Structures are given as structure tokens and as C-alpha cells.
């Protein structure tokens, strides 16, 4: 076989191996998404409710950092310090297999894109997941607001500063920021599927959620707790402010996960399988 033929054979084999890896991840994601559709809706609600509670530990740790460093360093540096503890709630949720909306956007939309489920079924399931996440967030947020100051680890001023930092942007900035965060969270779900070891999963979760935190991107479920806590403790955040933030961040997260992960990766899958035999 001539050198040119050898090179072509190696390239063809390499392409097929890459596509097989991509196919394997896509199939696993599709199966996991379909499995969620098959589950009892009350079971899904409870799992999403637990995710809303568990992600509250991110809020707890970040609020502690805001309180601890208030007056110790310049306020503009506190969010960067808090970025190092932000991922811990996500580690609890993802490794615990609870249902978090932003991790599920791509996962649950793939069966719709492939024609196995309808948009109506997707909206219904998303509604259950979002409701569970939000209710869990309200409960843990209110609990932290009550117990944190009594334990002396969180101050109302720290909570107010955190909520103000999250919510002070214009709606268009929050939307685009949420799109990026949703993209990263859906990518997290995709990459986790290809990783078997718990240590590897923890590194992936930490890396991606650290990017979200240090870049100041908006996560609708953590942000729900942060802004809701600010509404409970400060007159600077109204209920309308909270609702506007929540709607904007939810839509942005959904767009990021569906468009930049589910649709593009499924499109790449179709394109590759139509050109490489």
C-alpha cells in the first residue's frame, strides 16, 4: 500500500473512532433523557425538589464568603473569592443524581429533536423540573436566611450584597449571560456522560461551574435562591425584580442548552454519519 493510501486509511479510521465516541455519548444522553420521560412524574418532582434543596449549599457557602470578607477586602473582589466555593452545591446535585433544570435542558430536548417526543411533552416535563427546583430553592433559601444570622456565619448585609451583585444588570445582559451559563451546564451533562470515575466527574463539575461563577454568568436555579433571599431581607429588591430576573434567566439557560448543545451536537451527529461510512 502506498504512503498516500496508508495516510488516507489512518485518517478514515481516526474519523470513525471519533464519530463512534460521539455516537456513544449521544446514545447515552438520549437513553437517559428518555428514561426521565418514562419516570413517574411525582418521582421526577421529588428529585428536582431535592436538587433545589441541595444547590442551596452553593448559596450558603457564597453568602458566608460575602459576609466573611465584607470590609476585609474591596467589595468588587468578593465575587471572585466566592467563585472557589460556588461549585460545591453542583457537585452534590450532579453526583447525587438529582434532577437540575440546567443540566437537563439538552438531555430532555434530544428526544424531541430526534422526533421521539413532542414539544408539549418537553414543556410539561420542564415545568415539573423547574417547579421542583424553585420550591426546593425557596425552602432552603428561607432556611438559610433564618439560621445563617443566628449562627453568626451570614449577615443580612452579606445576603443583600450578594443579591444585588446578581440582579443589578440590565435584562439583556442577564439574558445573554444566562445563555452562556445554560450552554456550559448542558456541556457539563454531555462531558459527564463520557466519564466513569467520580474524581473525573468532580473535576469536570468544578471546572465548568467555576467558569460560570468567576465570569459572573447567571444560573437560574442558584440565582433563584440568591435573588429570592435578597427579596426576603432587603427592600432594594421587589417581587417584580425577582420575577423578571427569574423569567429572564430561565429562558436564557434553556436557549443556551438547547441551541448550543442539543441542536448543534445532534446536527453534527447527522452530518458526520451522512458523510463517513
Protein backbone atom coordinates (compact mmCIF):
# COMPACT_ATOMS: atom_id res chain seq x y z
CA UNK A 1 0.00 0.00 0.00
CA UNK A 2 1.43 3.37 -0.97
CA UNK A 3 2.12 6.05 1.64
CA UNK A 4 -0.81 8.15 0.41
CA UNK A 5 -3.19 5.21 0.73
CA UNK A 6 -1.86 4.46 4.24
CA UNK A 7 -2.41 8.08 5.29
CA UNK A 8 -5.97 8.01 3.93
CA UNK A 9 -6.71 4.75 5.74
CA UNK A 10 -5.40 6.12 9.04
CA UNK A 11 -7.42 9.32 8.61
CA UNK A 12 -10.58 7.34 7.80
CA UNK A 13 -10.06 5.07 10.84
CA UNK A 14 -9.43 8.08 13.08
CA UNK A 15 -12.62 9.77 11.83
CA UNK A 16 -14.68 6.65 12.51
CA UNK A 17 -13.29 6.32 16.05
CA UNK A 18 -14.16 9.94 16.84
CA UNK A 19 -17.67 9.55 15.43
CA UNK A 20 -18.17 6.32 17.37
CA UNK A 21 -17.24 8.19 20.57
CA UNK A 22 -19.67 10.99 19.71
CA UNK A 23 -22.37 8.46 18.85
CA UNK A 24 -21.84 6.68 22.17
CA UNK A 25 -22.29 9.91 24.15
CA UNK A 26 -25.34 10.90 22.11
CA UNK A 27 -26.95 7.48 22.59
CA UNK A 28 -26.30 7.60 26.34
CA UNK A 29 -27.74 11.09 26.55
CA UNK A 30 -30.78 10.06 24.50
CA UNK A 31 -31.38 6.99 26.67
CA UNK A 32 -31.02 8.97 29.88
CA UNK A 33 -33.41 11.62 28.57
CA UNK A 34 -36.00 9.04 27.51
CA UNK A 35 -35.67 7.33 30.89
CA UNK A 36 -36.60 10.62 32.58
CA UNK A 37 -39.71 10.84 30.37
CA UNK A 38 -40.72 7.34 31.46
CA UNK A 39 -40.37 8.01 35.18
CA UNK A 40 -43.33 8.73 37.42
CA UNK A 41 -43.95 12.49 37.36
CA UNK A 42 -44.15 12.70 41.16
CA UNK A 43 -40.79 10.93 41.40
CA UNK A 44 -39.32 13.48 38.97
CA UNK A 45 -40.78 16.32 41.02
CA UNK A 46 -39.24 14.94 44.23
CA UNK A 47 -35.86 14.52 42.54
CA UNK A 48 -35.98 18.09 41.20
CA UNK A 49 -37.14 19.33 44.62
CA UNK A 50 -34.08 17.66 46.18
CA UNK A 51 -31.88 19.34 43.56
CA UNK A 52 -33.34 22.72 44.54
CA UNK A 53 -32.53 21.99 48.19
CA UNK A 54 -29.04 20.65 47.53
CA UNK A 55 -27.98 23.50 45.25
CA UNK A 56 -28.80 25.75 48.20
CA UNK A 57 -25.47 24.77 49.74
CA UNK A 58 -23.82 26.81 47.00
CA UNK A 59 -25.87 29.79 48.17
CA UNK A 60 -24.94 29.07 51.79
CA UNK A 61 -21.20 28.96 51.07
CA UNK A 62 -21.24 32.01 48.79
CA UNK A 63 -23.26 34.01 51.35
CA UNK A 64 -20.71 33.06 54.04
CA UNK A 65 -17.90 34.36 51.83
CA UNK A 66 -19.78 37.62 51.20
CA UNK A 67 -20.25 38.04 54.95
CA UNK A 68 -16.75 36.96 55.96
CA UNK A 69 -14.91 39.24 53.55
CA UNK A 70 -17.18 42.27 53.86
CA UNK A 71 -14.94 45.15 54.98
CA UNK A 72 -11.84 42.94 54.77
CA UNK A 73 -11.23 43.35 51.04
CA UNK A 74 -12.73 45.59 48.37
CA UNK A 75 -16.30 44.53 47.55
CA UNK A 76 -15.50 44.11 43.85
CA UNK A 77 -13.10 41.28 44.70
CA UNK A 78 -15.52 39.29 46.86
CA UNK A 79 -17.35 37.60 43.92
CA UNK A 80 -14.00 36.24 42.69
CA UNK A 81 -13.23 34.74 46.10
CA UNK A 82 -16.74 33.27 46.26
CA UNK A 83 -16.15 31.58 42.89
CA UNK A 84 -13.94 28.98 44.59
CA UNK A 85 -16.80 27.67 46.77
CA UNK A 86 -19.58 28.08 44.18
CA UNK A 87 -19.14 24.61 42.62
CA UNK A 88 -19.73 22.56 45.78
CA UNK A 89 -23.52 22.57 45.62
CA UNK A 90 -23.35 21.42 41.99
CA UNK A 91 -21.09 18.54 42.96
CA UNK A 92 -23.71 17.38 45.49
CA UNK A 93 -26.52 17.64 42.93
CA UNK A 94 -24.82 16.02 39.93
CA UNK A 95 -23.13 13.15 41.77
CA UNK A 96 -26.32 12.60 43.78
CA UNK A 97 -28.28 12.20 40.51
CA UNK A 98 -30.90 14.81 41.44
CA UNK A 99 -32.72 16.49 38.54
CA UNK A 100 -31.43 20.03 37.93
CA UNK A 101 -33.12 22.02 35.16
CA UNK A 102 -29.96 23.49 33.63
CA UNK A 103 -28.30 20.09 33.46
CA UNK A 104 -31.44 18.61 31.85
CA UNK A 105 -32.13 21.18 29.09
CA UNK A 106 -30.10 19.37 26.44
CA UNK A 107 -30.82 15.92 27.83
CA UNK A 108 -34.61 16.29 27.69
CA UNK A 109 -34.70 18.14 24.37
CA UNK A 110 -32.74 15.49 22.42
CA UNK A 111 -35.75 13.08 22.26
CA UNK A 112 -37.82 15.97 20.85
CA UNK A 113 -35.18 16.89 18.26
CA UNK A 114 -34.97 13.25 17.18
CA UNK A 115 -38.76 13.02 16.87
CA UNK A 116 -39.30 10.55 19.72
CA UNK A 117 -41.12 13.03 21.96
CA UNK A 118 -43.24 16.13 21.33
CA UNK A 119 -42.65 19.74 22.34
CA UNK A 120 -45.74 19.50 24.54
CA UNK A 121 -44.22 16.59 26.46
CA UNK A 122 -40.97 18.53 26.82
CA UNK A 123 -42.73 21.63 28.16
CA UNK A 124 -44.71 19.52 30.63
CA UNK A 125 -41.58 17.78 31.95
CA UNK A 126 -39.57 21.00 32.08
CA UNK A 127 -42.42 22.56 34.06
CA UNK A 128 -42.26 19.80 36.68
CA UNK A 129 -38.47 20.05 36.95
CA UNK A 130 -38.47 23.85 37.20
CA UNK A 131 -41.25 23.81 39.79
CA UNK A 132 -39.39 21.30 41.94
CA UNK A 133 -36.12 23.24 41.64
CA UNK A 134 -37.78 26.54 42.56
CA UNK A 135 -39.80 25.19 45.50
CA UNK A 136 -36.72 23.46 46.89
CA UNK A 137 -34.80 26.70 46.42
CA UNK A 138 -37.44 28.74 48.26
CA UNK A 139 -37.29 26.36 51.23
CA UNK A 140 -33.50 26.23 51.54
CA UNK A 141 -33.21 29.97 50.83
CA UNK A 142 -35.66 30.89 53.57
CA UNK A 143 -33.98 28.42 55.95
CA UNK A 144 -30.52 29.88 55.34
CA UNK A 145 -31.86 33.44 55.73
CA UNK A 146 -33.28 32.42 59.12
CA UNK A 147 -30.48 30.22 60.51
CA UNK A 148 -27.41 31.93 58.99
CA UNK A 149 -27.56 35.15 61.05
CA UNK A 150 -28.43 33.17 64.20
CA UNK A 151 -25.32 31.04 63.74
CA UNK A 152 -23.30 34.19 63.09
CA UNK A 153 -21.95 32.93 59.76
CA UNK A 154 -24.12 35.08 57.49
CA UNK A 155 -25.29 38.67 57.79
CA UNK A 156 -28.31 40.26 56.17
CA UNK A 157 -25.93 42.76 54.59
CA UNK A 158 -23.96 39.91 53.04
CA UNK A 159 -27.16 38.45 51.54
CA UNK A 160 -28.20 41.87 50.25
CA UNK A 161 -24.79 42.43 48.64
CA UNK A 162 -24.92 39.01 47.00
CA UNK A 163 -28.43 39.53 45.62
CA UNK A 164 -27.53 43.00 44.37
CA UNK A 165 -24.46 41.65 42.60
CA UNK A 166 -26.54 39.01 40.81
CA UNK A 167 -29.51 41.22 39.92
CA UNK A 168 -28.12 44.68 39.17
CA UNK A 169 -27.54 44.07 35.45
CA UNK A 170 -29.93 45.01 32.65
CA UNK A 171 -32.31 42.31 31.39
CA UNK A 172 -30.50 41.89 28.06
CA UNK A 173 -27.18 41.31 29.83
CA UNK A 174 -28.79 38.77 32.19
CA UNK A 175 -30.34 37.00 29.21
CA UNK A 176 -27.10 36.66 27.22
CA UNK A 177 -25.21 35.74 30.39
CA UNK A 178 -27.83 33.04 31.09
CA UNK A 179 -27.48 31.67 27.55
CA UNK A 180 -23.75 31.18 28.16
CA UNK A 181 -24.37 29.57 31.56
CA UNK A 182 -27.01 27.24 30.08
CA UNK A 183 -24.59 26.28 27.32
CA UNK A 184 -21.90 25.39 29.87
CA UNK A 185 -24.29 23.43 32.09
CA UNK A 186 -25.58 21.36 29.17
CA UNK A 187 -21.97 20.77 28.11
CA UNK A 188 -21.27 19.60 31.67
CA UNK A 189 -24.00 16.96 31.30
CA UNK A 190 -22.55 15.90 27.94
CA UNK A 191 -18.97 15.56 29.22
CA UNK A 192 -20.02 13.79 32.44
CA UNK A 193 -21.60 11.06 30.29
CA UNK A 194 -18.17 10.21 28.86
CA UNK A 195 -16.51 9.99 32.28
CA UNK A 196 -16.70 6.97 34.57
CA UNK A 197 -14.57 7.90 37.60
CA UNK A 198 -16.07 10.00 40.39
CA UNK A 199 -12.83 12.02 40.67
CA UNK A 200 -13.02 12.90 36.99
CA UNK A 201 -16.66 13.92 37.31
CA UNK A 202 -15.86 16.14 40.29
CA UNK A 203 -13.09 17.87 38.33
CA UNK A 204 -15.42 18.48 35.38
CA UNK A 205 -18.22 19.82 37.60
CA UNK A 206 -15.80 22.07 39.48
CA UNK A 207 -14.14 23.40 36.34
CA UNK A 208 -17.33 24.26 34.47
CA UNK A 209 -19.24 25.76 37.41
CA UNK A 210 -16.13 27.70 38.44
CA UNK A 211 -16.13 29.29 34.98
CA UNK A 212 -19.79 30.23 35.45
CA UNK A 213 -19.04 31.78 38.84
CA UNK A 214 -15.86 33.70 38.08
CA UNK A 215 -17.32 35.05 34.82
CA UNK A 216 -20.43 36.22 36.69
CA UNK A 217 -22.77 34.21 34.44
CA UNK A 218 -26.37 33.75 35.56
CA UNK A 219 -27.67 30.36 36.66
CA UNK A 220 -31.44 30.36 37.04
CA UNK A 221 -31.64 27.88 39.92
CA UNK A 222 -28.83 29.23 42.10
CA UNK A 223 -29.85 32.75 41.11
CA UNK A 224 -33.41 31.94 42.16
CA UNK A 225 -32.21 31.38 45.74
CA UNK A 226 -29.85 34.36 45.74
CA UNK A 227 -32.37 36.90 44.46
CA UNK A 228 -35.25 35.41 46.46
CA UNK A 229 -33.14 35.68 49.64
CA UNK A 230 -32.41 39.30 48.72
CA UNK A 231 -36.15 39.90 48.33
CA UNK A 232 -36.74 38.45 51.80
CA UNK A 233 -34.05 40.54 53.51
CA UNK A 234 -33.84 43.82 51.58
CA UNK A 235 -36.28 46.46 50.36
CA UNK A 236 -33.97 47.10 47.39
CA UNK A 237 -35.28 44.03 45.57
CA UNK A 238 -39.00 43.93 44.83
CA UNK A 239 -41.08 40.90 43.94
CA UNK A 240 -41.31 42.19 40.37
CA UNK A 241 -37.49 42.38 40.27
CA UNK A 242 -37.34 38.76 41.39
CA UNK A 243 -39.92 37.56 38.84
CA UNK A 244 -38.25 39.45 35.98
CA UNK A 245 -34.85 38.05 36.87
CA UNK A 246 -36.19 34.52 37.20
CA UNK A 247 -38.04 34.51 33.89
CA UNK A 248 -35.09 36.01 32.01
CA UNK A 249 -32.52 33.61 33.44
CA UNK A 250 -34.72 30.53 32.90
CA UNK A 251 -35.32 31.37 29.24
CA UNK A 252 -31.64 32.19 28.70
CA UNK A 253 -30.46 28.94 30.30
CA UNK A 254 -32.91 26.93 28.19
CA UNK A 255 -31.82 28.62 24.95
CA UNK A 256 -28.14 28.03 25.75
CA UNK A 257 -28.60 24.34 26.50
CA UNK A 258 -30.94 23.51 23.63
CA UNK A 259 -29.37 25.55 20.82
CA UNK A 260 -25.64 25.31 21.55
CA UNK A 261 -25.51 21.73 22.78
CA UNK A 262 -28.56 19.64 21.84
CA UNK A 263 -29.28 21.04 18.36
CA UNK A 264 -25.68 21.62 17.26
CA UNK A 265 -24.36 18.28 18.54
CA UNK A 266 -27.30 16.39 17.07
CA UNK A 267 -26.75 18.24 13.80
CA UNK A 268 -23.04 17.34 13.86
CA UNK A 269 -24.01 13.72 14.53
CA UNK A 270 -26.31 13.65 11.48
CA UNK A 271 -23.75 15.38 9.28
CA UNK A 272 -20.91 13.05 10.28
CA UNK A 273 -22.95 9.90 9.81
CA UNK A 274 -24.10 11.02 6.38
CA UNK A 275 -20.55 11.68 5.13
CA UNK A 276 -18.49 8.98 6.84
CA UNK A 277 -19.43 5.37 6.18
